[in-house]
């Protein structure tokens, strides 16, 4: 997920450096402007890709889902009809706790 952000940062840095060098070299405003515009286009392309195709987490929604799954796990573990799968040893209890935390 960090590759587009890294690439976008690299394009920005390289574009700024090249545009500055062209300005210092008196390459002309047309060339300098076109170079700046080209790198700006690359930056916009990366930003649009990031917004359109990369998954962004919605933390409050994710927290709700995790809490709901943990509640479901706890309910199933302590259900009245779950006498056969209820942990009776330290290893089974440890495994059940790890499964709960892994959710």
PDB file of N, CA and C in Angstrom:
ATOM      1  N   UNK A   1       0.808  -1.194   0.000  1.00  0.00           N
ATOM      2  CA  UNK A   1       0.000   0.000   0.000  1.00  0.00           C
ATOM      3  C   UNK A   1       0.853   1.260   0.000  1.00  0.00           C
ATOM      4  N   UNK A   2       2.102   1.100   0.412  1.00  0.00           N
ATOM      5  CA  UNK A   2       2.949   2.270   0.521  1.00  0.00           C
ATOM      6  C   UNK A   2       3.679   2.592  -0.781  1.00  0.00           C
ATOM      7  N   UNK A   3       3.650   1.697  -1.751  1.00  0.00           N
ATOM      8  CA  UNK A   3       4.391   1.931  -2.996  1.00  0.00           C
ATOM      9  C   UNK A   3       3.879   3.158  -3.737  1.00  0.00           C
ATOM     10  N   UNK A   4       2.549   3.323  -3.950  1.00  0.00           N
ATOM     11  CA  UNK A   4       2.101   4.536  -4.642  1.00  0.00           C
ATOM     12  C   UNK A   4       2.456   5.808  -3.879  1.00  0.00           C
ATOM     13  N   UNK A   5       2.391   5.770  -2.549  1.00  0.00           N
ATOM     14  CA  UNK A   5       2.748   6.946  -1.766  1.00  0.00           C
ATOM     15  C   UNK A   5       4.232   7.254  -1.926  1.00  0.00           C
ATOM     16  N   UNK A   6       5.065   6.208  -1.934  1.00  0.00           N
ATOM     17  CA  UNK A   6       6.498   6.387  -2.138  1.00  0.00           C
ATOM     18  C   UNK A   6       6.776   6.936  -3.527  1.00  0.00           C
ATOM     19  N   UNK A   7       6.114   6.350  -4.540  1.00  0.00           N
ATOM     20  CA  UNK A   7       6.313   6.805  -5.919  1.00  0.00           C
ATOM     21  C   UNK A   7       5.858   8.253  -6.086  1.00  0.00           C
ATOM     22  N   UNK A   8       4.742   8.586  -5.450  1.00  0.00           N
ATOM     23  CA  UNK A   8       4.241   9.953  -5.544  1.00  0.00           C
ATOM     24  C   UNK A   8       5.230  10.928  -4.919  1.00  0.00           C
ATOM     25  N   UNK A   9       5.785  10.569  -3.764  1.00  0.00           N
ATOM     26  CA  UNK A   9       6.779  11.422  -3.120  1.00  0.00           C
ATOM     27  C   UNK A   9       8.027  11.565  -3.976  1.00  0.00           C
ATOM     28  N   UNK A  10       8.449  10.457  -4.593  1.00  0.00           N
ATOM     29  CA  UNK A  10       9.617  10.514  -5.472  1.00  0.00           C
ATOM     30  C   UNK A  10       9.390  11.397  -6.680  1.00  0.00           C
ATOM     31  N   UNK A  11       8.213  11.300  -7.281  1.00  0.00           N
ATOM     32  CA  UNK A  11       7.895  12.143  -8.437  1.00  0.00           C
ATOM     33  C   UNK A  11       7.899  13.611  -8.034  1.00  0.00           C
ATOM     34  N   UNK A  12       7.320  13.918  -6.879  1.00  0.00           N
ATOM     35  CA  UNK A  12       7.315  15.305  -6.411  1.00  0.00           C
ATOM     36  C   UNK A  12       8.725  15.829  -6.202  1.00  0.00           C
ATOM     37  N   UNK A  13       9.577  15.039  -5.555  1.00  0.00           N
ATOM     38  CA  UNK A  13      10.948  15.472  -5.275  1.00  0.00           C
ATOM     39  C   UNK A  13      11.756  15.659  -6.551  1.00  0.00           C
ATOM     40  N   UNK A  14      11.671  14.681  -7.445  1.00  0.00           N
ATOM     41  CA  UNK A  14      12.422  14.769  -8.700  1.00  0.00           C
ATOM     42  C   UNK A  14      11.907  15.928  -9.548  1.00  0.00           C
ATOM     43  N   UNK A  15      10.588  16.099  -9.598  1.00  0.00           N
ATOM     44  CA  UNK A  15      10.006  17.205 -10.365  1.00  0.00           C
ATOM     45  C   UNK A  15      10.444  18.549  -9.842  1.00  0.00           C
ATOM     46  N   UNK A  16      10.466  18.702  -8.528  1.00  0.00           N
ATOM     47  CA  UNK A  16      10.913  19.971  -7.943  1.00  0.00           C
ATOM     48  C   UNK A  16      12.379  20.226  -8.244  1.00  0.00           C
ATOM     49  N   UNK A  17      13.200  19.177  -8.145  1.00  0.00           N
ATOM     50  CA  UNK A  17      14.637  19.341  -8.401  1.00  0.00           C
ATOM     51  C   UNK A  17      14.902  19.701  -9.868  1.00  0.00           C
ATOM     52  N   UNK A  18      14.239  19.005 -10.785  1.00  0.00           N
ATOM     53  CA  UNK A  18      14.475  19.278 -12.209  1.00  0.00           C
ATOM     54  C   UNK A  18      13.962  20.655 -12.588  1.00  0.00           C
ATOM     55  N   UNK A  19      12.792  21.027 -12.081  1.00  0.00           N
ATOM     56  CA  UNK A  19      12.253  22.350 -12.381  1.00  0.00           C
ATOM     57  C   UNK A  19      13.177  23.435 -11.843  1.00  0.00           C
ATOM     58  N   UNK A  20      13.725  23.239 -10.638  1.00  0.00           N
ATOM     59  CA  UNK A  20      14.656  24.212 -10.074  1.00  0.00           C
ATOM     60  C   UNK A  20      15.928  24.294 -10.906  1.00  0.00           C
ATOM     61  N   UNK A  21      16.459  23.139 -11.326  1.00  0.00           N
ATOM     62  CA  UNK A  21      17.672  23.155 -12.156  1.00  0.00           C
ATOM     63  C   UNK A  21      17.435  23.864 -13.483  1.00  0.00           C
ATOM     64  N   UNK A  22      16.279  23.624 -14.084  1.00  0.00           N
ATOM     65  CA  UNK A  22      15.969  24.310 -15.340  1.00  0.00           C
ATOM     66  C   UNK A  22      15.850  25.816 -15.126  1.00  0.00           C
ATOM     67  N   UNK A  23      15.281  26.203 -13.990  1.00  0.00           N
ATOM     68  CA  UNK A  23      15.186  27.632 -13.685  1.00  0.00           C
ATOM     69  C   UNK A  23      16.546  28.259 -13.478  1.00  0.00           C
ATOM     70  N   UNK A  24      17.437  27.552 -12.757  1.00  0.00           N
ATOM     71  CA  UNK A  24      18.784  28.078 -12.526  1.00  0.00           C
ATOM     72  C   UNK A  24      19.596  28.114 -13.816  1.00  0.00           C
ATOM     73  N   UNK A  25      19.330  27.196 -14.726  1.00  0.00           N
ATOM     74  CA  UNK A  25      20.078  27.129 -15.978  1.00  0.00           C
ATOM     75  C   UNK A  25      19.510  28.075 -17.029  1.00  0.00           C
ATOM     76  N   UNK A  26      18.485  28.826 -16.667  1.00  0.00           N
ATOM     77  CA  UNK A  26      17.821  29.768 -17.585  1.00  0.00           C
ATOM     78  C   UNK A  26      17.373  29.059 -18.854  1.00  0.00           C
ATOM     79  N   UNK A  27      16.701  27.928 -18.672  1.00  0.00           N
ATOM     80  CA  UNK A  27      16.268  27.128 -19.807  1.00  0.00           C
ATOM     81  C   UNK A  27      15.065  27.735 -20.516  1.00  0.00           C
ATOM     82  N   UNK A  28      14.477  28.717 -19.944  1.00  0.00           N
ATOM     83  CA  UNK A  28      13.318  29.346 -20.565  1.00  0.00           C
ATOM     84  C   UNK A  28      12.052  28.972 -19.811  1.00  0.00           C
ATOM     85  N   UNK A  29      11.145  29.904 -19.791  1.00  0.00           N
ATOM     86  CA  UNK A  29       9.932  29.685 -19.005  1.00  0.00           C
ATOM     87  C   UNK A  29       9.042  28.606 -19.614  1.00  0.00           C
ATOM     88  N   UNK A  30       9.062  28.463 -20.930  1.00  0.00           N
ATOM     89  CA  UNK A  30       8.215  27.453 -21.568  1.00  0.00           C
ATOM     90  C   UNK A  30       8.670  26.039 -21.174  1.00  0.00           C
ATOM     91  N   UNK A  31       9.963  25.796 -21.230  1.00  0.00           N
ATOM     92  CA  UNK A  31      10.498  24.478 -20.888  1.00  0.00           C
ATOM     93  C   UNK A  31      10.308  24.201 -19.402  1.00  0.00           C
ATOM     94  N   UNK A  32      10.617  25.197 -18.586  1.00  0.00           N
ATOM     95  CA  UNK A  32      10.464  25.027 -17.140  1.00  0.00           C
ATOM     96  C   UNK A  32       9.003  24.796 -16.775  1.00  0.00           C
ATOM     97  N   UNK A  33       8.106  25.551 -17.362  1.00  0.00           N
ATOM     98  CA  UNK A  33       6.675  25.392 -17.102  1.00  0.00           C
ATOM     99  C   UNK A  33       6.154  24.040 -17.564  1.00  0.00           C
ATOM    100  N   UNK A  34       6.592  23.612 -18.741  1.00  0.00           N
ATOM    101  CA  UNK A  34       6.156  22.323 -19.260  1.00  0.00           C
ATOM    102  C   UNK A  34       6.660  21.179 -18.380  1.00  0.00           C
ATOM    103  N   UNK A  35       7.890  21.274 -17.905  1.00  0.00           N
ATOM    104  CA  UNK A  35       8.434  20.245 -17.025  1.00  0.00           C
ATOM    105  C   UNK A  35       7.662  20.193 -15.714  1.00  0.00           C
ATOM    106  N   UNK A  36       7.400  21.360 -15.131  1.00  0.00           N
ATOM    107  CA  UNK A  36       6.617  21.417 -13.900  1.00  0.00           C
ATOM    108  C   UNK A  36       5.218  20.856 -14.096  1.00  0.00           C
ATOM    109  N   UNK A  37       4.610  21.175 -15.225  1.00  0.00           N
ATOM    110  CA  UNK A  37       3.272  20.659 -15.521  1.00  0.00           C
ATOM    111  C   UNK A  37       3.293  19.146 -15.707  1.00  0.00           C
ATOM    112  N   UNK A  38       4.312  18.637 -16.351  1.00  0.00           N
ATOM    113  CA  UNK A  38       4.422  17.194 -16.566  1.00  0.00           C
ATOM    114  C   UNK A  38       4.548  16.436 -15.251  1.00  0.00           C
ATOM    115  N   UNK A  39       5.408  16.930 -14.370  1.00  0.00           N
ATOM    116  CA  UNK A  39       5.549  16.274 -13.070  1.00  0.00           C
ATOM    117  C   UNK A  39       4.293  16.445 -12.228  1.00  0.00           C
ATOM    118  N   UNK A  40       3.611  17.565 -12.369  1.00  0.00           N
ATOM    119  CA  UNK A  40       2.329  17.751 -11.686  1.00  0.00           C
ATOM    120  C   UNK A  40       1.298  16.748 -12.175  1.00  0.00           C
ATOM    121  N   UNK A  41       1.329  16.448 -13.470  1.00  0.00           N
ATOM    122  CA  UNK A  41       0.426  15.445 -14.032  1.00  0.00           C
ATOM    123  C   UNK A  41       0.720  14.058 -13.466  1.00  0.00           C
ATOM    124  N   UNK A  42       2.009  13.720 -13.365  1.00  0.00           N
ATOM    125  CA  UNK A  42       2.372  12.442 -12.747  1.00  0.00           C
ATOM    126  C   UNK A  42       1.868  12.369 -11.312  1.00  0.00           C
ATOM    127  N   UNK A  43       2.048  13.457 -10.559  1.00  0.00           N
ATOM    128  CA  UNK A  43       1.589  13.490  -9.171  1.00  0.00           C
ATOM    129  C   UNK A  43       0.075  13.296  -9.103  1.00  0.00           C
ATOM    130  N   UNK A  44      -0.666  13.952  -9.971  1.00  0.00           N
ATOM    131  CA  UNK A  44      -2.122  13.795  -9.993  1.00  0.00           C
ATOM    132  C   UNK A  44      -2.519  12.375 -10.354  1.00  0.00           C
ATOM    133  N   UNK A  45      -1.785  11.753 -11.251  1.00  0.00           N
ATOM    134  CA  UNK A  45      -2.075  10.376 -11.632  1.00  0.00           C
ATOM    135  C   UNK A  45      -1.909   9.442 -10.443  1.00  0.00           C
ATOM    136  N   UNK A  46      -0.823   9.588  -9.691  1.00  0.00           N
ATOM    137  CA  UNK A  46      -0.622   8.765  -8.504  1.00  0.00           C
ATOM    138  C   UNK A  46      -1.713   9.030  -7.464  1.00  0.00           C
ATOM    139  N   UNK A  47      -2.069  10.289  -7.259  1.00  0.00           N
ATOM    140  CA  UNK A  47      -3.109  10.615  -6.281  1.00  0.00           C
ATOM    141  C   UNK A  47      -4.444  10.004  -6.688  1.00  0.00           C
ATOM    142  N   UNK A  48      -4.796  10.111  -7.960  1.00  0.00           N
ATOM    143  CA  UNK A  48      -6.056   9.538  -8.435  1.00  0.00           C
ATOM    144  C   UNK A  48      -6.062   8.022  -8.321  1.00  0.00           C
ATOM    145  N   UNK A  49      -4.949   7.390  -8.627  1.00  0.00           N
ATOM    146  CA  UNK A  49      -4.842   5.932  -8.477  1.00  0.00           C
ATOM    147  C   UNK A  49      -5.041   5.544  -7.020  1.00  0.00           C
ATOM    148  N   UNK A  50      -4.371   6.266  -6.130  1.00  0.00           N
ATOM    149  CA  UNK A  50      -4.468   5.978  -4.708  1.00  0.00           C
ATOM    150  C   UNK A  50      -5.911   6.085  -4.224  1.00  0.00           C
ATOM    151  N   UNK A  51      -6.609   7.120  -4.630  1.00  0.00           N
ATOM    152  CA  UNK A  51      -7.984   7.325  -4.183  1.00  0.00           C
ATOM    153  C   UNK A  51      -8.957   6.330  -4.814  1.00  0.00           C
ATOM    154  N   UNK A  52      -8.693   5.902  -6.036  1.00  0.00           N
ATOM    155  CA  UNK A  52      -9.645   5.049  -6.745  1.00  0.00           C
ATOM    156  C   UNK A  52      -9.451   3.554  -6.469  1.00  0.00           C
ATOM    157  N   UNK A  53      -8.221   3.109  -6.299  1.00  0.00           N
ATOM    158  CA  UNK A  53      -7.970   1.668  -6.285  1.00  0.00           C
ATOM    159  C   UNK A  53      -7.422   1.110  -4.980  1.00  0.00           C
ATOM    160  N   UNK A  54      -6.929   1.931  -4.093  1.00  0.00           N
ATOM    161  CA  UNK A  54      -6.369   1.407  -2.856  1.00  0.00           C
ATOM    162  C   UNK A  54      -7.418   1.425  -1.754  1.00  0.00           C
ATOM    163  N   UNK A  55      -7.398   0.397  -0.950  1.00  0.00           N
ATOM    164  CA  UNK A  55      -8.366   0.274   0.136  1.00  0.00           C
ATOM    165  C   UNK A  55      -7.903   1.125   1.310  1.00  0.00           C
ATOM    166  N   UNK A  56      -8.815   1.926   1.810  1.00  0.00           N
ATOM    167  CA  UNK A  56      -8.535   2.729   2.995  1.00  0.00           C
ATOM    168  C   UNK A  56      -9.416   2.231   4.119  1.00  0.00           C
ATOM    169  N   UNK A  57      -8.821   2.009   5.258  1.00  0.00           N
ATOM    170  CA  UNK A  57      -9.578   1.475   6.373  1.00  0.00           C
ATOM    171  C   UNK A  57     -10.473   2.550   6.991  1.00  0.00           C
ATOM    172  N   UNK A  58     -11.630   2.115   7.414  1.00  0.00           N
ATOM    173  CA  UNK A  58     -12.556   2.961   8.158  1.00  0.00           C
ATOM    174  C   UNK A  58     -12.500   2.459   9.587  1.00  0.00           C
ATOM    175  N   UNK A  59     -11.666   3.080  10.418  1.00  0.00           N
ATOM    176  CA  UNK A  59     -11.359   2.558  11.740  1.00  0.00           C
ATOM    177  C   UNK A  59     -12.586   2.350  12.621  1.00  0.00           C
ATOM    178  N   UNK A  60     -13.521   3.293  12.720  1.00  0.00           N
ATOM    179  CA  UNK A  60     -14.703   3.033  13.560  1.00  0.00           C
ATOM    180  C   UNK A  60     -15.515   1.822  13.079  1.00  0.00           C
ATOM    181  N   UNK A  61     -15.680   1.666  11.782  1.00  0.00           N
ATOM    182  CA  UNK A  61     -16.419   0.512  11.258  1.00  0.00           C
ATOM    183  C   UNK A  61     -15.660  -0.780  11.541  1.00  0.00           C
ATOM    184  N   UNK A  62     -14.342  -0.750  11.401  1.00  0.00           N
ATOM    185  CA  UNK A  62     -13.521  -1.926  11.673  1.00  0.00           C
ATOM    186  C   UNK A  62     -13.590  -2.310  13.151  1.00  0.00           C
ATOM    187  N   UNK A  63     -13.558  -1.328  14.032  1.00  0.00           N
ATOM    188  CA  UNK A  63     -13.666  -1.616  15.465  1.00  0.00           C
ATOM    189  C   UNK A  63     -15.008  -2.251  15.801  1.00  0.00           C
ATOM    190  N   UNK A  64     -16.089  -1.765  15.195  1.00  0.00           N
ATOM    191  CA  UNK A  64     -17.412  -2.356  15.425  1.00  0.00           C
ATOM    192  C   UNK A  64     -17.442  -3.813  15.004  1.00  0.00           C
ATOM    193  N   UNK A  65     -16.869  -4.106  13.840  1.00  0.00           N
ATOM    194  CA  UNK A  65     -16.853  -5.484  13.344  1.00  0.00           C
ATOM    195  C   UNK A  65     -16.052  -6.408  14.263  1.00  0.00           C
ATOM    196  N   UNK A  66     -14.903  -5.933  14.731  1.00  0.00           N
ATOM    197  CA  UNK A  66     -14.075  -6.757  15.609  1.00  0.00           C
ATOM    198  C   UNK A  66     -14.800  -7.031  16.919  1.00  0.00           C
ATOM    199  N   UNK A  67     -15.394  -6.005  17.504  1.00  0.00           N
ATOM    200  CA  UNK A  67     -16.116  -6.190  18.772  1.00  0.00           C
ATOM    201  C   UNK A  67     -17.288  -7.144  18.577  1.00  0.00           C
ATOM    202  N   UNK A  68     -18.001  -7.027  17.467  1.00  0.00           N
ATOM    203  CA  UNK A  68     -19.137  -7.916  17.194  1.00  0.00           C
ATOM    204  C   UNK A  68     -18.675  -9.365  17.043  1.00  0.00           C
ATOM    205  N   UNK A  69     -17.573  -9.586  16.336  1.00  0.00           N
ATOM    206  CA  UNK A  69     -17.056 -10.947  16.167  1.00  0.00           C
ATOM    207  C   UNK A  69     -16.553 -11.516  17.484  1.00  0.00           C
ATOM    208  N   UNK A  70     -15.916 -10.689  18.307  1.00  0.00           N
ATOM    209  CA  UNK A  70     -15.459 -11.172  19.602  1.00  0.00           C
ATOM    210  C   UNK A  70     -16.644 -11.529  20.496  1.00  0.00           C
ATOM    211  N   UNK A  71     -17.710 -10.727  20.443  1.00  0.00           N
ATOM    212  CA  UNK A  71     -18.912 -11.037  21.234  1.00  0.00           C
ATOM    213  C   UNK A  71     -19.538 -12.343  20.764  1.00  0.00           C
ATOM    214  N   UNK A  72     -19.590 -12.542  19.444  1.00  0.00           N
ATOM    215  CA  UNK A  72     -20.136 -13.788  18.908  1.00  0.00           C
ATOM    216  C   UNK A  72     -19.294 -14.987  19.348  1.00  0.00           C
ATOM    217  N   UNK A  73     -17.972 -14.839  19.326  1.00  0.00           N
ATOM    218  CA  UNK A  73     -17.077 -15.915  19.751  1.00  0.00           C
ATOM    219  C   UNK A  73     -17.303 -16.235  21.225  1.00  0.00           C
ATOM    220  N   UNK A  74     -17.388 -15.193  22.048  1.00  0.00           N
ATOM    221  CA  UNK A  74     -17.589 -15.401  23.490  1.00  0.00           C
ATOM    222  C   UNK A  74     -18.935 -16.063  23.767  1.00  0.00           C
ATOM    223  N   UNK A  75     -19.979 -15.626  23.054  1.00  0.00           N
ATOM    224  CA  UNK A  75     -21.305 -16.214  23.231  1.00  0.00           C
ATOM    225  C   UNK A  75     -21.297 -17.690  22.854  1.00  0.00           C
ATOM    226  N   UNK A  76     -20.648 -18.018  21.757  1.00  0.00           N
ATOM    227  CA  UNK A  76     -20.612 -19.424  21.334  1.00  0.00           C
ATOM    228  C   UNK A  76     -19.786 -20.274  22.290  1.00  0.00           C
ATOM    229  N   UNK A  77     -18.757 -19.696  22.870  1.00  0.00           N
ATOM    230  CA  UNK A  77     -17.917 -20.448  23.801  1.00  0.00           C
ATOM    231  C   UNK A  77     -18.656 -20.766  25.103  1.00  0.00           C
ATOM    232  N   UNK A  78     -19.430 -19.806  25.590  1.00  0.00           N
ATOM    233  CA  UNK A  78     -20.121 -19.978  26.866  1.00  0.00           C
ATOM    234  C   UNK A  78     -21.579 -20.396  26.709  1.00  0.00           C
ATOM    235  N   UNK A  79     -21.979 -20.815  25.530  1.00  0.00           N
ATOM    236  CA  UNK A  79     -23.366 -21.240  25.305  1.00  0.00           C
ATOM    237  C   UNK A  79     -23.670 -22.489  26.128  1.00  0.00           C
ATOM    238  N   UNK A  80     -24.927 -22.630  26.499  1.00  0.00           N
ATOM    239  CA  UNK A  80     -25.360 -23.780  27.313  1.00  0.00           C
ATOM    240  C   UNK A  80     -25.105 -25.112  26.605  1.00  0.00           C
ATOM    241  N   UNK A  81     -25.318 -25.147  25.298  1.00  0.00           N
ATOM    242  CA  UNK A  81     -25.174 -26.400  24.553  1.00  0.00           C
ATOM    243  C   UNK A  81     -23.733 -26.660  24.111  1.00  0.00           C
ATOM    244  N   UNK A  82     -22.774 -25.907  24.610  1.00  0.00           N
ATOM    245  CA  UNK A  82     -21.375 -26.036  24.193  1.00  0.00           C
ATOM    246  C   UNK A  82     -20.539 -26.745  25.257  1.00  0.00           C
ATOM    247  N   UNK A  83     -21.073 -27.748  25.857  1.00  0.00           N
ATOM    248  CA  UNK A  83     -20.341 -28.455  26.909  1.00  0.00           C
ATOM    249  C   UNK A  83     -19.191 -29.299  26.351  1.00  0.00           C
ATOM    250  N   UNK A  84     -19.288 -29.716  25.094  1.00  0.00           N
ATOM    251  CA  UNK A  84     -18.240 -30.567  24.528  1.00  0.00           C
ATOM    252  C   UNK A  84     -17.019 -29.766  24.089  1.00  0.00           C
ATOM    253  N   UNK A  85     -17.190 -28.517  23.667  1.00  0.00           N
ATOM    254  CA  UNK A  85     -16.066 -27.717  23.178  1.00  0.00           C
ATOM    255  C   UNK A  85     -15.544 -26.728  24.205  1.00  0.00           C
ATOM    256  N   UNK A  86     -16.113 -26.716  25.404  1.00  0.00           N
ATOM    257  CA  UNK A  86     -15.672 -25.783  26.433  1.00  0.00           C
ATOM    258  C   UNK A  86     -14.271 -26.180  26.899  1.00  0.00           C
ATOM    259  N   UNK A  87     -13.352 -25.226  27.019  1.00  0.00           N
ATOM    260  CA  UNK A  87     -11.986 -25.582  27.423  1.00  0.00           C
ATOM    261  C   UNK A  87     -11.948 -26.110  28.851  1.00  0.00           C
ATOM    262  N   UNK A  88     -11.275 -27.230  29.021  1.00  0.00           N
ATOM    263  CA  UNK A  88     -11.176 -27.840  30.348  1.00  0.00           C
ATOM    264  C   UNK A  88      -9.725 -27.962  30.821  1.00  0.00           C
ATOM    265  N   UNK A  89      -8.777 -27.639  29.967  1.00  0.00           N
ATOM    266  CA  UNK A  89      -7.378 -27.679  30.371  1.00  0.00           C
ATOM    267  C   UNK A  89      -6.746 -26.316  30.104  1.00  0.00           C
ATOM    268  N   UNK A  90      -5.557 -26.155  30.656  1.00  0.00           N
ATOM    269  CA  UNK A  90      -4.837 -24.900  30.451  1.00  0.00           C
ATOM    270  C   UNK A  90      -4.553 -24.664  28.966  1.00  0.00           C
ATOM    271  N   UNK A  91      -4.152 -25.709  28.255  1.00  0.00           N
ATOM    272  CA  UNK A  91      -3.834 -25.581  26.833  1.00  0.00           C
ATOM    273  C   UNK A  91      -5.069 -25.188  26.021  1.00  0.00           C
ATOM    274  N   UNK A  92      -6.206 -25.809  26.316  1.00  0.00           N
ATOM    275  CA  UNK A  92      -7.429 -25.477  25.591  1.00  0.00           C
ATOM    276  C   UNK A  92      -7.875 -24.056  25.906  1.00  0.00           C
ATOM    277  N   UNK A  93      -7.761 -23.652  27.175  1.00  0.00           N
ATOM    278  CA  UNK A  93      -8.135 -22.285  27.549  1.00  0.00           C
ATOM    279  C   UNK A  93      -7.206 -21.273  26.897  1.00  0.00           C
ATOM    280  N   UNK A  94      -5.926 -21.579  26.872  1.00  0.00           N
ATOM    281  CA  UNK A  94      -4.955 -20.701  26.227  1.00  0.00           C
ATOM    282  C   UNK A  94      -5.254 -20.575  24.741  1.00  0.00           C
ATOM    283  N   UNK A  95      -5.589 -21.682  24.116  1.00  0.00           N
ATOM    284  CA  UNK A  95      -5.938 -21.664  22.698  1.00  0.00           C
ATOM    285  C   UNK A  95      -7.197 -20.841  22.449  1.00  0.00           C
ATOM    286  N   UNK A  96      -8.195 -20.979  23.328  1.00  0.00           N
ATOM    287  CA  UNK A  96      -9.435 -20.210  23.175  1.00  0.00           C
ATOM    288  C   UNK A  96      -9.169 -18.712  23.339  1.00  0.00           C
ATOM    289  N   UNK A  97      -8.320 -18.356  24.291  1.00  0.00           N
ATOM    290  CA  UNK A  97      -7.969 -16.940  24.498  1.00  0.00           C
ATOM    291  C   UNK A  97      -7.233 -16.391  23.284  1.00  0.00           C
ATOM    292  N   UNK A  98      -6.308 -17.181  22.734  1.00  0.00           N
ATOM    293  CA  UNK A  98      -5.577 -16.732  21.542  1.00  0.00           C
ATOM    294  C   UNK A  98      -6.520 -16.582  20.341  1.00  0.00           C
ATOM    295  N   UNK A  99      -7.459 -17.502  20.191  1.00  0.00           N
ATOM    296  CA  UNK A  99      -8.428 -17.382  19.099  1.00  0.00           C
ATOM    297  C   UNK A  99      -9.267 -16.118  19.258  1.00  0.00           C
ATOM    298  N   UNK A 100      -9.664 -15.818  20.477  1.00  0.00           N
ATOM    299  CA  UNK A 100     -10.451 -14.612  20.754  1.00  0.00           C
ATOM    300  C   UNK A 100      -9.642 -13.366  20.431  1.00  0.00           C
ATOM    301  N   UNK A 101      -8.390 -13.329  20.878  1.00  0.00           N
ATOM    302  CA  UNK A 101      -7.538 -12.172  20.642  1.00  0.00           C
ATOM    303  C   UNK A 101      -7.188 -12.031  19.153  1.00  0.00           C
ATOM    304  N   UNK A 102      -7.040 -13.155  18.461  1.00  0.00           N
ATOM    305  CA  UNK A 102      -6.683 -13.122  17.041  1.00  0.00           C
ATOM    306  C   UNK A 102      -7.788 -12.488  16.196  1.00  0.00           C
ATOM    307  N   UNK A 103      -9.016 -12.571  16.702  1.00  0.00           N
ATOM    308  CA  UNK A 103     -10.138 -11.975  15.967  1.00  0.00           C
ATOM    309  C   UNK A 103      -9.904 -10.492  15.808  1.00  0.00           C
TER     310      UNK A 103
END
